C-alpha atoms as a PDB file:
ATOM      1  CA  UNK A   1     103.532  85.749  64.928  1.00  0.00           C
ATOM      2  CA  UNK A   2     103.630  89.385  63.881  1.00  0.00           C
ATOM      3  CA  UNK A   3     102.315  92.057  66.048  1.00  0.00           C
ATOM      4  CA  UNK A   4     100.660  95.188  64.756  1.00  0.00           C
ATOM      5  CA  UNK A   5      99.032  98.097  66.327  1.00  0.00           C
ATOM      6  CA  UNK A   6      96.609 100.340  64.465  1.00  0.00           C
ATOM      7  CA  UNK A   7      93.617 102.608  64.830  1.00  0.00           C
ATOM      8  CA  UNK A   8      90.199 100.808  64.365  1.00  0.00           C
ATOM      9  CA  UNK A   9      87.523 102.560  62.356  1.00  0.00           C
ATOM     10  CA  UNK A  10      84.082 102.681  64.142  1.00  0.00           C
ATOM     11  CA  UNK A  11      81.405 101.217  62.158  1.00  0.00           C
ATOM     12  CA  UNK A  12      77.940 102.859  62.120  1.00  0.00           C
ATOM     13  CA  UNK A  13      76.244  99.696  62.543  1.00  0.00           C
ATOM     14  CA  UNK A  14      76.868  95.965  63.028  1.00  0.00           C
ATOM     15  CA  UNK A  15      76.590  94.024  59.853  1.00  0.00           C
ATOM     16  CA  UNK A  16      78.732  91.573  57.585  1.00  0.00           C
ATOM     17  CA  UNK A  17      81.356  94.332  56.937  1.00  0.00           C
ATOM     18  CA  UNK A  18      84.901  93.943  57.833  1.00  0.00           C
ATOM     19  CA  UNK A  19      84.963  96.919  60.066  1.00  0.00           C
ATOM     20  CA  UNK A  20      81.951  95.652  61.996  1.00  0.00           C
ATOM     21  CA  UNK A  21      83.691  92.183  62.324  1.00  0.00           C
ATOM     22  CA  UNK A  22      86.712  93.957  63.668  1.00  0.00           C
ATOM     23  CA  UNK A  23      84.761  95.761  66.338  1.00  0.00           C
ATOM     24  CA  UNK A  24      83.094  92.636  67.512  1.00  0.00           C
ATOM     25  CA  UNK A  25      86.566  91.069  67.627  1.00  0.00           C
ATOM     26  CA  UNK A  26      87.896  94.060  69.838  1.00  0.00           C
ATOM     27  CA  UNK A  27      84.932  93.710  71.995  1.00  0.00           C
ATOM     28  CA  UNK A  28      85.330  89.970  72.319  1.00  0.00           C
ATOM     29  CA  UNK A  29      89.060  90.768  73.526  1.00  0.00           C
ATOM     30  CA  UNK A  30      87.676  93.611  75.964  1.00  0.00           C
ATOM     31  CA  UNK A  31      85.147  91.120  77.466  1.00  0.00           C
ATOM     32  CA  UNK A  32      87.658  88.378  78.013  1.00  0.00           C
ATOM     33  CA  UNK A  33      90.067  90.732  79.889  1.00  0.00           C
ATOM     34  CA  UNK A  34      87.344  92.368  81.817  1.00  0.00           C
ATOM     35  CA  UNK A  35      85.984  88.966  82.950  1.00  0.00           C
ATOM     36  CA  UNK A  36      89.376  87.657  83.934  1.00  0.00           C
ATOM     37  CA  UNK A  37      90.044  90.899  86.087  1.00  0.00           C
ATOM     38  CA  UNK A  38      86.672  91.069  87.928  1.00  0.00           C
ATOM     39  CA  UNK A  39      85.825  87.408  88.048  1.00  0.00           C
ATOM     40  CA  UNK A  40      82.327  87.645  86.685  1.00  0.00           C
ATOM     41  CA  UNK A  41      80.529  87.862  83.196  1.00  0.00           C
ATOM     42  CA  UNK A  42      78.479  90.847  84.623  1.00  0.00           C
ATOM     43  CA  UNK A  43      81.114  93.174  83.245  1.00  0.00           C
ATOM     44  CA  UNK A  44      80.985  91.697  79.701  1.00  0.00           C
ATOM     45  CA  UNK A  45      78.837  93.461  76.994  1.00  0.00           C
ATOM     46  CA  UNK A  46      77.632  92.693  73.518  1.00  0.00           C
ATOM     47  CA  UNK A  47      79.011  94.663  70.854  1.00  0.00           C
ATOM     48  CA  UNK A  48      75.654  96.216  70.125  1.00  0.00           C
ATOM     49  CA  UNK A  49      75.587  97.666  73.574  1.00  0.00           C
ATOM     50  CA  UNK A  50      79.081  99.204  73.356  1.00  0.00           C
ATOM     51  CA  UNK A  51      78.647 100.575  69.689  1.00  0.00           C
ATOM     52  CA  UNK A  52      76.563 103.785  70.483  1.00  0.00           C
ATOM     53  CA  UNK A  53      79.173 104.975  72.914  1.00  0.00           C
ATOM     54  CA  UNK A  54      81.841 104.972  70.174  1.00  0.00           C
ATOM     55  CA  UNK A  55      80.066 107.108  67.681  1.00  0.00           C
ATOM     56  CA  UNK A  56      81.544 110.392  66.919  1.00  0.00           C
ATOM     57  CA  UNK A  57      80.766 113.085  69.710  1.00  0.00           C
ATOM     58  CA  UNK A  58      80.804 116.862  69.391  1.00  0.00           C
ATOM     59  CA  UNK A  59      82.061 116.943  73.104  1.00  0.00           C
ATOM     60  CA  UNK A  60      84.575 114.075  73.443  1.00  0.00           C
ATOM     61  CA  UNK A  61      87.421 112.507  71.428  1.00  0.00           C
ATOM     62  CA  UNK A  62      86.953 108.850  71.318  1.00  0.00           C
ATOM     63  CA  UNK A  63      89.579 106.637  69.593  1.00  0.00           C
ATOM     64  CA  UNK A  64      90.109 102.858  69.500  1.00  0.00           C
ATOM     65  CA  UNK A  65      93.444 101.138  68.875  1.00  0.00           C
ATOM     66  CA  UNK A  66      93.601  97.407  68.380  1.00  0.00           C
ATOM     67  CA  UNK A  67      96.605  94.850  68.583  1.00  0.00           C
ATOM     68  CA  UNK A  68      96.611  92.116  66.091  1.00  0.00           C
ATOM     69  CA  UNK A  69      98.770  88.960  66.134  1.00  0.00           C
ATOM     70  CA  UNK A  70      98.695  88.096  62.482  1.00  0.00           C
ATOM     71  CA  UNK A  71      95.110  88.832  61.488  1.00  0.00           C
ATOM     72  CA  UNK A  72      93.612  88.074  64.848  1.00  0.00           C
ATOM     73  CA  UNK A  73      92.702  91.139  67.122  1.00  0.00           C
ATOM     74  CA  UNK A  74      93.836  90.101  70.620  1.00  0.00           C
ATOM     75  CA  UNK A  75      93.806  93.431  72.412  1.00  0.00           C
ATOM     76  CA  UNK A  76      91.998  96.849  72.253  1.00  0.00           C
ATOM     77  CA  UNK A  77      92.902 100.229  73.737  1.00  0.00           C
ATOM     78  CA  UNK A  78      90.546 103.069  74.242  1.00  0.00           C
ATOM     79  CA  UNK A  79      91.476 106.801  74.326  1.00  0.00           C
ATOM     80  CA  UNK A  80      88.705 109.369  75.560  1.00  0.00           C
ATOM     81  CA  UNK A  81      89.212 113.010  76.461  1.00  0.00           C
ATOM     82  CA  UNK A  82      86.887 116.108  76.571  1.00  0.00           C
ATOM     83  CA  UNK A  83      87.300 118.428  73.681  1.00  0.00           C
ATOM     84  CA  UNK A  84      87.297 121.471  75.738  1.00  0.00           C
ATOM     85  CA  UNK A  85      87.483 122.803  79.318  1.00  0.00           C
ATOM     86  CA  UNK A  86      89.935 122.054  82.061  1.00  0.00           C
ATOM     87  CA  UNK A  87      89.204 118.356  81.942  1.00  0.00           C
ATOM     88  CA  UNK A  88      90.661 118.297  78.543  1.00  0.00           C
ATOM     89  CA  UNK A  89      93.898 118.147  80.118  1.00  0.00           C
ATOM     90  CA  UNK A  90      93.212 114.423  81.073  1.00  0.00           C
ATOM     91  CA  UNK A  91      93.196 111.451  78.899  1.00  0.00           C
ATOM     92  CA  UNK A  92      91.114 108.358  80.035  1.00  0.00           C
ATOM     93  CA  UNK A  93      92.884 105.232  78.825  1.00  0.00           C
ATOM     94  CA  UNK A  94      91.588 101.544  78.856  1.00  0.00           C
ATOM     95  CA  UNK A  95      93.836  98.553  77.941  1.00  0.00           C
ATOM     96  CA  UNK A  96      92.354  94.917  77.460  1.00  0.00           C
ATOM     97  CA  UNK A  97      94.443  92.108  76.432  1.00  0.00           C
ATOM     98  CA  UNK A  98      92.818  88.700  75.802  1.00  0.00           C
ATOM     99  CA  UNK A  99      94.004  86.421  78.654  1.00  0.00           C
ATOM    100  CA  UNK A 100      95.421  84.044  76.199  1.00  0.00           C
ATOM    101  CA  UNK A 101      97.712  86.465  74.719  1.00  0.00           C
ATOM    102  CA  UNK A 102      99.254  88.080  77.978  1.00  0.00           C
ATOM    103  CA  UNK A 103     103.240  87.817  78.386  1.00  0.00           C
ATOM    104  CA  UNK A 104     103.920  88.695  74.807  1.00  0.00           C
ATOM    105  CA  UNK A 105     104.481  92.343  74.723  1.00  0.00           C
ATOM    106  CA  UNK A 106     100.831  93.111  73.292  1.00  0.00           C
ATOM    107  CA  UNK A 107      99.957  95.418  76.441  1.00  0.00           C
ATOM    108  CA  UNK A 108     103.233  97.264  76.498  1.00  0.00           C
ATOM    109  CA  UNK A 109     103.022  98.136  72.644  1.00  0.00           C
ATOM    110  CA  UNK A 110      99.387  99.153  73.001  1.00  0.00           C
ATOM    111  CA  UNK A 111     100.061 101.197  76.123  1.00  0.00           C
ATOM    112  CA  UNK A 112     102.962 102.931  74.322  1.00  0.00           C
ATOM    113  CA  UNK A 113     100.621 103.979  71.398  1.00  0.00           C
ATOM    114  CA  UNK A 114      97.862 105.116  73.674  1.00  0.00           C
ATOM    115  CA  UNK A 115     100.179 107.129  75.687  1.00  0.00           C
ATOM    116  CA  UNK A 116     101.871 108.858  72.663  1.00  0.00           C
ATOM    117  CA  UNK A 117      98.348 109.928  71.438  1.00  0.00           C
ATOM    118  CA  UNK A 118      97.878 111.658  74.813  1.00  0.00           C
ATOM    119  CA  UNK A 119     101.441 113.318  74.618  1.00  0.00           C
ATOM    120  CA  UNK A 120     100.984 114.283  71.046  1.00  0.00           C
ATOM    121  CA  UNK A 121      97.613 115.979  71.830  1.00  0.00           C
ATOM    122  CA  UNK A 122      99.218 117.912  74.723  1.00  0.00           C
ATOM    123  CA  UNK A 123      97.303 116.105  77.523  1.00  0.00           C
ATOM    124  CA  UNK A 124      98.969 116.666  80.865  1.00  0.00           C
ATOM    125  CA  UNK A 125      98.054 113.242  82.458  1.00  0.00           C
ATOM    126  CA  UNK A 126      96.371 109.979  82.085  1.00  0.00           C
ATOM    127  CA  UNK A 127      93.867 108.141  84.193  1.00  0.00           C
ATOM    128  CA  UNK A 128      93.468 104.384  84.120  1.00  0.00           C
ATOM    129  CA  UNK A 129      90.880 102.246  86.013  1.00  0.00           C
ATOM    130  CA  UNK A 130      92.188  98.484  86.213  1.00  0.00           C
ATOM    131  CA  UNK A 131      90.411  95.591  87.979  1.00  0.00           C
ATOM    132  CA  UNK A 132      92.722  93.822  90.373  1.00  0.00           C
ATOM    133  CA  UNK A 133      91.743  90.160  91.097  1.00  0.00           C
ATOM    134  CA  UNK A 134      92.270  88.973  94.750  1.00  0.00           C
ATOM    135  CA  UNK A 135      95.780  87.595  95.537  1.00  0.00           C
ATOM    136  CA  UNK A 136      97.715  86.738  98.584  1.00  0.00           C
ATOM    137  CA  UNK A 137     100.884  88.761  99.675  1.00  0.00           C
ATOM    138  CA  UNK A 138     101.780  92.513 100.205  1.00  0.00           C
ATOM    139  CA  UNK A 139      99.266  95.266  99.450  1.00  0.00           C
ATOM    140  CA  UNK A 140      99.431  98.580  97.842  1.00  0.00           C
ATOM    141  CA  UNK A 141      97.368 101.387  99.258  1.00  0.00           C
ATOM    142  CA  UNK A 142      96.155 104.792  97.707  1.00  0.00           C
ATOM    143  CA  UNK A 143      96.949 107.837  99.538  1.00  0.00           C
ATOM    144  CA  UNK A 144      93.432 108.089 100.829  1.00  0.00           C
ATOM    145  CA  UNK A 145      94.252 105.028 103.190  1.00  0.00           C
ATOM    146  CA  UNK A 146      90.974 103.402 101.880  1.00  0.00           C
ATOM    147  CA  UNK A 147      91.246 100.009 100.230  1.00  0.00           C
ATOM    148  CA  UNK A 148      94.353  98.280  98.720  1.00  0.00           C
ATOM    149  CA  UNK A 149      95.323  96.314  95.617  1.00  0.00           C
ATOM    150  CA  UNK A 150      97.602  93.085  95.552  1.00  0.00           C
ATOM    151  CA  UNK A 151     101.154  94.546  95.063  1.00  0.00           C
ATOM    152  CA  UNK A 152     102.270  91.506  93.086  1.00  0.00           C
ATOM    153  CA  UNK A 153      99.420  91.436  90.516  1.00  0.00           C
ATOM    154  CA  UNK A 154     100.335  91.605  86.999  1.00  0.00           C
ATOM    155  CA  UNK A 155      98.415  94.818  86.290  1.00  0.00           C
ATOM    156  CA  UNK A 156      99.877  96.584  89.404  1.00  0.00           C
ATOM    157  CA  UNK A 157     103.494  95.766  88.332  1.00  0.00           C
ATOM    158  CA  UNK A 158     102.560  96.926  84.922  1.00  0.00           C
ATOM    159  CA  UNK A 159     101.252 100.195  85.680  1.00  0.00           C
ATOM    160  CA  UNK A 160     103.915 101.085  88.342  1.00  0.00           C
ATOM    161  CA  UNK A 161     106.711 100.123  85.890  1.00  0.00           C
ATOM    162  CA  UNK A 162     105.057 102.546  83.313  1.00  0.00           C
ATOM    163  CA  UNK A 163     105.186 105.533  86.008  1.00  0.00           C
ATOM    164  CA  UNK A 164     101.440 105.415  87.202  1.00  0.00           C
ATOM    165  CA  UNK A 165     100.625 105.931  90.717  1.00  0.00           C
ATOM    166  CA  UNK A 166      97.597 104.477  92.450  1.00  0.00           C
ATOM    167  CA  UNK A 167      95.145 107.199  93.366  1.00  0.00           C
ATOM    168  CA  UNK A 168      92.170 105.482  94.588  1.00  0.00           C
ATOM    169  CA  UNK A 169      90.481 102.123  95.042  1.00  0.00           C
ATOM    170  CA  UNK A 170      87.055 101.464  93.972  1.00  0.00           C
ATOM    171  CA  UNK A 171      84.742  98.696  95.117  1.00  0.00           C
ATOM    172  CA  UNK A 172      82.515  96.830  92.806  1.00  0.00           C
ATOM    173  CA  UNK A 173      79.125  95.723  94.782  1.00  0.00           C
ATOM    174  CA  UNK A 174      76.242  93.480  93.542  1.00  0.00           C
ATOM    175  CA  UNK A 175      72.665  93.680  94.804  1.00  0.00           C
ATOM    176  CA  UNK A 176      70.841  90.232  94.377  1.00  0.00           C
ATOM    177  CA  UNK A 177      67.149  90.880  92.990  1.00  0.00           C
ATOM    178  CA  UNK A 178      64.425  90.983  93.716  1.00  0.00           C
ATOM    179  CA  UNK A 179      64.940  92.830  96.994  1.00  0.00           C
ATOM    180  CA  UNK A 180      62.608  92.151  99.940  1.00  0.00           C
ATOM    181  CA  UNK A 181      59.631  94.603  99.383  1.00  0.00           C
ATOM    182  CA  UNK A 182      59.281  95.065 103.124  1.00  0.00           C
ATOM    183  CA  UNK A 183      62.980  96.144 103.507  1.00  0.00           C
ATOM    184  CA  UNK A 184      62.579  98.628 100.618  1.00  0.00           C
ATOM    185  CA  UNK A 185      59.455 100.012 102.111  1.00  0.00           C
ATOM    186  CA  UNK A 186      61.177 100.532 105.612  1.00  0.00           C
ATOM    187  CA  UNK A 187      64.253 102.106 103.975  1.00  0.00           C
ATOM    188  CA  UNK A 188      62.076 104.424 101.857  1.00  0.00           C
ATOM    189  CA  UNK A 189      59.958 105.405 104.654  1.00  0.00           C
ATOM    190  CA  UNK A 190      62.842 106.247 106.764  1.00  0.00           C
ATOM    191  CA  UNK A 191      64.490 108.283 103.806  1.00  0.00           C
ATOM    192  CA  UNK A 192      61.107 110.277 103.156  1.00  0.00           C
ATOM    193  CA  UNK A 193      60.944 111.234 106.759  1.00  0.00           C
ATOM    194  CA  UNK A 194      64.464 113.035 106.381  1.00  0.00           C
ATOM    195  CA  UNK A 195      63.482 114.355 102.974  1.00  0.00           C
ATOM    196  CA  UNK A 196      60.619 116.835 103.730  1.00  0.00           C
ATOM    197  CA  UNK A 197      60.446 119.393 101.120  1.00  0.00           C
ATOM    198  CA  UNK A 198      61.877 116.958  98.240  1.00  0.00           C
ATOM    199  CA  UNK A 199      60.045 115.231  95.494  1.00  0.00           C
ATOM    200  CA  UNK A 200      60.983 112.261  93.445  1.00  0.00           C
ATOM    201  CA  UNK A 201      60.521 112.162  89.627  1.00  0.00           C
ATOM    202  CA  UNK A 202      60.992 109.007  87.453  1.00  0.00           C
ATOM    203  CA  UNK A 203      61.598 108.735  83.776  1.00  0.00           C
ATOM    204  CA  UNK A 204      62.757 106.415  81.082  1.00  0.00           C
ATOM    205  CA  UNK A 205      65.420 107.104  78.336  1.00  0.00           C
ATOM    206  CA  UNK A 206      64.381 110.713  77.708  1.00  0.00           C
ATOM    207  CA  UNK A 207      64.405 113.332  80.593  1.00  0.00           C
ATOM    208  CA  UNK A 208      61.482 116.020  80.605  1.00  0.00           C
ATOM    209  CA  UNK A 209      62.754 119.052  78.943  1.00  0.00           C
ATOM    210  CA  UNK A 210      62.285 121.092  82.119  1.00  0.00           C
ATOM    211  CA  UNK A 211      65.111 119.193  83.843  1.00  0.00           C
ATOM    212  CA  UNK A 212      67.630 119.459  81.213  1.00  0.00           C
ATOM    213  CA  UNK A 213      69.641 122.441  82.543  1.00  0.00           C
ATOM    214  CA  UNK A 214      69.626 120.860  86.015  1.00  0.00           C
ATOM    215  CA  UNK A 215      70.812 117.589  84.823  1.00  0.00           C
ATOM    216  CA  UNK A 216      73.783 119.099  82.719  1.00  0.00           C
ATOM    217  CA  UNK A 217      74.742 120.980  85.996  1.00  0.00           C
ATOM    218  CA  UNK A 218      74.415 117.818  88.058  1.00  0.00           C
ATOM    219  CA  UNK A 219      76.585 115.812  85.556  1.00  0.00           C
ATOM    220  CA  UNK A 220      79.153 118.508  85.760  1.00  0.00           C
ATOM    221  CA  UNK A 221      78.932 118.164  89.731  1.00  0.00           C
ATOM    222  CA  UNK A 222      79.983 114.443  89.297  1.00  0.00           C
ATOM    223  CA  UNK A 223      83.517 115.531  88.360  1.00  0.00           C
ATOM    224  CA  UNK A 224      83.717 118.170  91.284  1.00  0.00           C
ATOM    225  CA  UNK A 225      81.667 116.546  94.231  1.00  0.00           C
ATOM    226  CA  UNK A 226      82.267 112.799  93.772  1.00  0.00           C
ATOM    227  CA  UNK A 227      85.365 111.575  95.930  1.00  0.00           C
ATOM    228  CA  UNK A 228      88.490 111.566  93.608  1.00  0.00           C
ATOM    229  CA  UNK A 229      91.138 110.419  96.161  1.00  0.00           C
ATOM    230  CA  UNK A 230      94.708 111.031  94.918  1.00  0.00           C
ATOM    231  CA  UNK A 231      93.536 111.701  91.366  1.00  0.00           C
ATOM    232  CA  UNK A 232      93.842 115.162  89.962  1.00  0.00           C
ATOM    233  CA  UNK A 233      90.299 115.590  88.644  1.00  0.00           C
ATOM    234  CA  UNK A 234      89.323 118.772  86.755  1.00  0.00           C
ATOM    235  CA  UNK A 235      85.801 120.176  86.372  1.00  0.00           C
ATOM    236  CA  UNK A 236      84.238 118.287  83.374  1.00  0.00           C
ATOM    237  CA  UNK A 237      81.537 120.747  82.165  1.00  0.00           C
ATOM    238  CA  UNK A 238      78.420 119.294  80.756  1.00  0.00           C
ATOM    239  CA  UNK A 239      76.076 121.341  78.774  1.00  0.00           C
ATOM    240  CA  UNK A 240      72.442 120.607  77.705  1.00  0.00           C
ATOM    241  CA  UNK A 241      73.753 119.738  74.363  1.00  0.00           C
ATOM    242  CA  UNK A 242      76.039 117.149  75.869  1.00  0.00           C
ATOM    243  CA  UNK A 243      73.332 115.678  77.889  1.00  0.00           C
ATOM    244  CA  UNK A 244      71.023 115.358  74.674  1.00  0.00           C
ATOM    245  CA  UNK A 245      74.045 113.739  72.838  1.00  0.00           C
ATOM    246  CA  UNK A 246      74.341 111.155  75.615  1.00  0.00           C
ATOM    247  CA  UNK A 247      70.573 110.457  75.302  1.00  0.00           C
ATOM    248  CA  UNK A 248      70.652 110.088  71.548  1.00  0.00           C
ATOM    249  CA  UNK A 249      73.325 107.246  72.197  1.00  0.00           C
ATOM    250  CA  UNK A 250      71.249 105.750  74.886  1.00  0.00           C
ATOM    251  CA  UNK A 251      68.289 105.561  72.405  1.00  0.00           C
ATOM    252  CA  UNK A 252      70.577 103.742  69.919  1.00  0.00           C
ATOM    253  CA  UNK A 253      71.442 101.222  72.528  1.00  0.00           C
ATOM    254  CA  UNK A 254      69.701  97.947  73.117  1.00  0.00           C
ATOM    255  CA  UNK A 255      70.030  98.752  76.901  1.00  0.00           C
ATOM    256  CA  UNK A 256      67.063 100.666  78.610  1.00  0.00           C
ATOM    257  CA  UNK A 257      67.987 103.645  80.850  1.00  0.00           C
ATOM    258  CA  UNK A 258      65.966 104.444  83.828  1.00  0.00           C
ATOM    259  CA  UNK A 259      66.340 107.619  85.954  1.00  0.00           C
ATOM    260  CA  UNK A 260      65.147 108.837  89.336  1.00  0.00           C
ATOM    261  CA  UNK A 261      65.724 112.350  90.205  1.00  0.00           C
ATOM    262  CA  UNK A 262      64.744 114.295  93.384  1.00  0.00           C
ATOM    263  CA  UNK A 263      63.391 117.957  93.187  1.00  0.00           C
ATOM    264  CA  UNK A 264      64.126 120.595  95.754  1.00  0.00           C
ATOM    265  CA  UNK A 265      60.377 121.789  95.852  1.00  0.00           C
ATOM    266  CA  UNK A 266      61.094 125.276  97.107  1.00  0.00           C
ATOM    267  CA  UNK A 267      63.570 126.262  94.465  1.00  0.00           C
ATOM    268  CA  UNK A 268      62.035 124.119  91.708  1.00  0.00           C
ATOM    269  CA  UNK A 269      65.502 122.579  90.843  1.00  0.00           C
ATOM    270  CA  UNK A 270      66.793 119.119  90.907  1.00  0.00           C
ATOM    271  CA  UNK A 271      69.139 118.341  93.771  1.00  0.00           C
ATOM    272  CA  UNK A 272      70.278 114.949  92.479  1.00  0.00           C
ATOM    273  CA  UNK A 273      69.588 111.851  90.210  1.00  0.00           C
ATOM    274  CA  UNK A 274      70.606 108.252  89.654  1.00  0.00           C
ATOM    275  CA  UNK A 275      70.741 106.099  86.592  1.00  0.00           C
ATOM    276  CA  UNK A 276      70.166 102.516  85.904  1.00  0.00           C
ATOM    277  CA  UNK A 277      70.997 100.701  82.591  1.00  0.00           C
ATOM    278  CA  UNK A 278      68.966  97.461  82.024  1.00  0.00           C
ATOM    279  CA  UNK A 279      69.712  94.892  79.333  1.00  0.00           C
ATOM    280  CA  UNK A 280      67.008  93.650  77.237  1.00  0.00           C
ATOM    281  CA  UNK A 281      68.072  90.086  78.341  1.00  0.00           C
ATOM    282  CA  UNK A 282      66.487  89.653  81.726  1.00  0.00           C
ATOM    283  CA  UNK A 283      69.044  86.986  82.623  1.00  0.00           C
ATOM    284  CA  UNK A 284      71.893  89.680  82.675  1.00  0.00           C
ATOM    285  CA  UNK A 285      72.654  92.133  85.462  1.00  0.00           C
ATOM    286  CA  UNK A 286      71.771  95.736  85.552  1.00  0.00           C
ATOM    287  CA  UNK A 287      74.318  98.489  85.609  1.00  0.00           C
ATOM    288  CA  UNK A 288      74.042 101.139  88.265  1.00  0.00           C
ATOM    289  CA  UNK A 289      75.319 104.455  86.664  1.00  0.00           C
ATOM    290  CA  UNK A 290      75.840 107.887  88.051  1.00  0.00           C
ATOM    291  CA  UNK A 291      74.451 108.666  91.502  1.00  0.00           C
ATOM    292  CA  UNK A 292      74.970 112.500  92.632  1.00  0.00           C
ATOM    293  CA  UNK A 293      73.307 114.525  95.357  1.00  0.00           C
ATOM    294  CA  UNK A 294      74.459 118.164  95.491  1.00  0.00           C
ATOM    295  CA  UNK A 295      76.633 118.867  98.478  1.00  0.00           C
ATOM    296  CA  UNK A 296      74.387 121.533  99.555  1.00  0.00           C
ATOM    297  CA  UNK A 297      71.508 119.255  99.832  1.00  0.00           C
ATOM    298  CA  UNK A 298      73.091 116.286 101.669  1.00  0.00           C
ATOM    299  CA  UNK A 299      72.128 115.136 105.039  1.00  0.00           C
ATOM    300  CA  UNK A 300      68.360 114.557 103.914  1.00  0.00           C
ATOM    301  CA  UNK A 301      68.851 110.852 102.905  1.00  0.00           C
ATOM    302  CA  UNK A 302      68.441 111.792  99.289  1.00  0.00           C
ATOM    303  CA  UNK A 303      70.975 109.227  98.119  1.00  0.00           C
ATOM    304  CA  UNK A 304      68.892 106.487  99.731  1.00  0.00           C
ATOM    305  CA  UNK A 305      65.642 107.753  98.316  1.00  0.00           C
ATOM    306  CA  UNK A 306      66.975 107.982  94.876  1.00  0.00           C
ATOM    307  CA  UNK A 307      68.319 104.481  95.027  1.00  0.00           C
ATOM    308  CA  UNK A 308      65.292 102.802  96.408  1.00  0.00           C
ATOM    309  CA  UNK A 309      62.942 104.810  94.008  1.00  0.00           C
ATOM    310  CA  UNK A 310      64.909 103.636  91.035  1.00  0.00           C
ATOM    311  CA  UNK A 311      65.045 100.015  92.254  1.00  0.00           C
ATOM    312  CA  UNK A 312      61.238  99.965  92.567  1.00  0.00           C
ATOM    313  CA  UNK A 313      61.059 101.678  89.285  1.00  0.00           C
ATOM    314  CA  UNK A 314      63.266  98.952  87.561  1.00  0.00           C
ATOM    315  CA  UNK A 315      61.075  96.185  89.318  1.00  0.00           C
ATOM    316  CA  UNK A 316      57.823  97.735  88.028  1.00  0.00           C
ATOM    317  CA  UNK A 317      59.116  98.293  84.442  1.00  0.00           C
ATOM    318  CA  UNK A 318      61.687  95.629  83.720  1.00  0.00           C
ATOM    319  CA  UNK A 319      61.582  92.824  86.323  1.00  0.00           C
ATOM    320  CA  UNK A 320      63.198  89.485  86.565  1.00  0.00           C
ATOM    321  CA  UNK A 321      66.990  90.659  86.232  1.00  0.00           C
ATOM    322  CA  UNK A 322      69.231  88.843  88.635  1.00  0.00           C
ATOM    323  CA  UNK A 323      71.229  91.719  90.118  1.00  0.00           C
ATOM    324  CA  UNK A 324      72.387  95.383  90.033  1.00  0.00           C
ATOM    325  CA  UNK A 325      76.176  96.084  89.878  1.00  0.00           C
ATOM    326  CA  UNK A 326      77.998  99.284  90.718  1.00  0.00           C
ATOM    327  CA  UNK A 327      81.399 100.819  91.659  1.00  0.00           C
ATOM    328  CA  UNK A 328      82.078 103.305  94.319  1.00  0.00           C
ATOM    329  CA  UNK A 329      85.239 104.847  95.850  1.00  0.00           C
ATOM    330  CA  UNK A 330      86.274 102.937  99.037  1.00  0.00           C
ATOM    331  CA  UNK A 331      86.401 106.352 100.701  1.00  0.00           C
ATOM    332  CA  UNK A 332      82.794 107.157  99.722  1.00  0.00           C
ATOM    333  CA  UNK A 333      81.482 105.752 103.188  1.00  0.00           C
ATOM    334  CA  UNK A 334      78.113 107.488 102.639  1.00  0.00           C
ATOM    335  CA  UNK A 335      77.249 105.787  99.331  1.00  0.00           C
ATOM    336  CA  UNK A 336      78.618 102.426 100.574  1.00  0.00           C
ATOM    337  CA  UNK A 337      76.417 102.756 103.461  1.00  0.00           C
ATOM    338  CA  UNK A 338      73.375 103.469 101.413  1.00  0.00           C
ATOM    339  CA  UNK A 339      74.263 100.456  99.115  1.00  0.00           C
ATOM    340  CA  UNK A 340      74.982  98.191 102.085  1.00  0.00           C
ATOM    341  CA  UNK A 341      71.675  98.980 103.784  1.00  0.00           C
ATOM    342  CA  UNK A 342      69.572  97.675 100.994  1.00  0.00           C
ATOM    343  CA  UNK A 343      71.746  94.597 100.337  1.00  0.00           C
ATOM    344  CA  UNK A 344      74.682  95.349  98.044  1.00  0.00           C
ATOM    345  CA  UNK A 345      77.681  93.134  98.756  1.00  0.00           C
ATOM    346  CA  UNK A 346      81.493  93.373  97.495  1.00  0.00           C
ATOM    347  CA  UNK A 347      82.431  91.336  94.582  1.00  0.00           C
ATOM    348  CA  UNK A 348      85.497  92.854  92.987  1.00  0.00           C
ATOM    349  CA  UNK A 349      88.141  95.751  93.534  1.00  0.00           C
ATOM    350  CA  UNK A 350      89.723  98.105  90.839  1.00  0.00           C
ATOM    351  CA  UNK A 351      92.639 100.616  91.062  1.00  0.00           C
ATOM    352  CA  UNK A 352      92.287 104.172  89.680  1.00  0.00           C
ATOM    353  CA  UNK A 353      95.698 105.150  88.393  1.00  0.00           C
ATOM    354  CA  UNK A 354      97.328 108.406  87.481  1.00  0.00           C
ATOM    355  CA  UNK A 355     100.439 109.326  85.200  1.00  0.00           C
ATOM    356  CA  UNK A 356     101.691 112.843  84.617  1.00  0.00           C
ATOM    357  CA  UNK A 357     103.420 113.565  81.274  1.00  0.00           C
ATOM    358  CA  UNK A 358     106.383 115.961  81.301  1.00  0.00           C
ATOM    359  CA  UNK A 359     105.910 118.919  79.258  1.00  0.00           C
END
């Protein structure tokens, strides 16, 4: 069989065109690889849900490569990087090889091509997030000392051989739904008792205009305030325009995006927000997106208040989903405490890897 690597044009919509069918094939390879890595179909997404995030962006470069054995797409590679600012030094790479086609050099060829793009564009480093299935034997720990991955796993040996270093371990957690209303009420009351001077706001899809500058600032703080372990994370600046572009992508998605934000009443500005993405199919899990509370507002149980408020928001607007899934750094004990207190349980782990490119 002949292996070829090529960039995949992104269709504007999913129809019967060859480019749309190729995108769906690439999505199928991605989903098969993710399910094998994390051991759950919760990490698989229909092509229609992924397509909006691949449309041209004024703020990020997005490129998809695919590997074909003869005519079949058996793997996909994703390349993303901000177009400006300090974070433009970093390329975020993803590599998904369909489990039926591992061990044939497909991943190596695709990784070579992705990294070459990063080098050609002058990126200083690459970050890769890779699921690590459970396995016996020796463990590899990140410099944080929190969490570990099986040292003999295929993805671990692959990344180490390519010069990547493990910078962080993330925990995937799942919350079965519905949550006991009495438990939520108890946790919310305790959080509100510590959150005097703060007010919760809820919305769906489109943020109220008055909050846009604050949301852009909070999205920027995700790159500076969230634990980064041994990864070299540069500030990734969000503007109002970039937030609005993301909202437009969300409006084009079959998923529904629900937000809870908390206002510091005295200043009239937001101190944090959290996001849930709910599929229209109620039999599928809901994704927990970003949750951020500014450092200067921590200690008021705002993370707990935000999580509970948005869980209740979901139950009111789109009930019936089986669970919520989320990923957090193993050293982020504060957020893990919040999650565990409302019933999240670990289901998977992934490594966050970093490679420096020589200049």
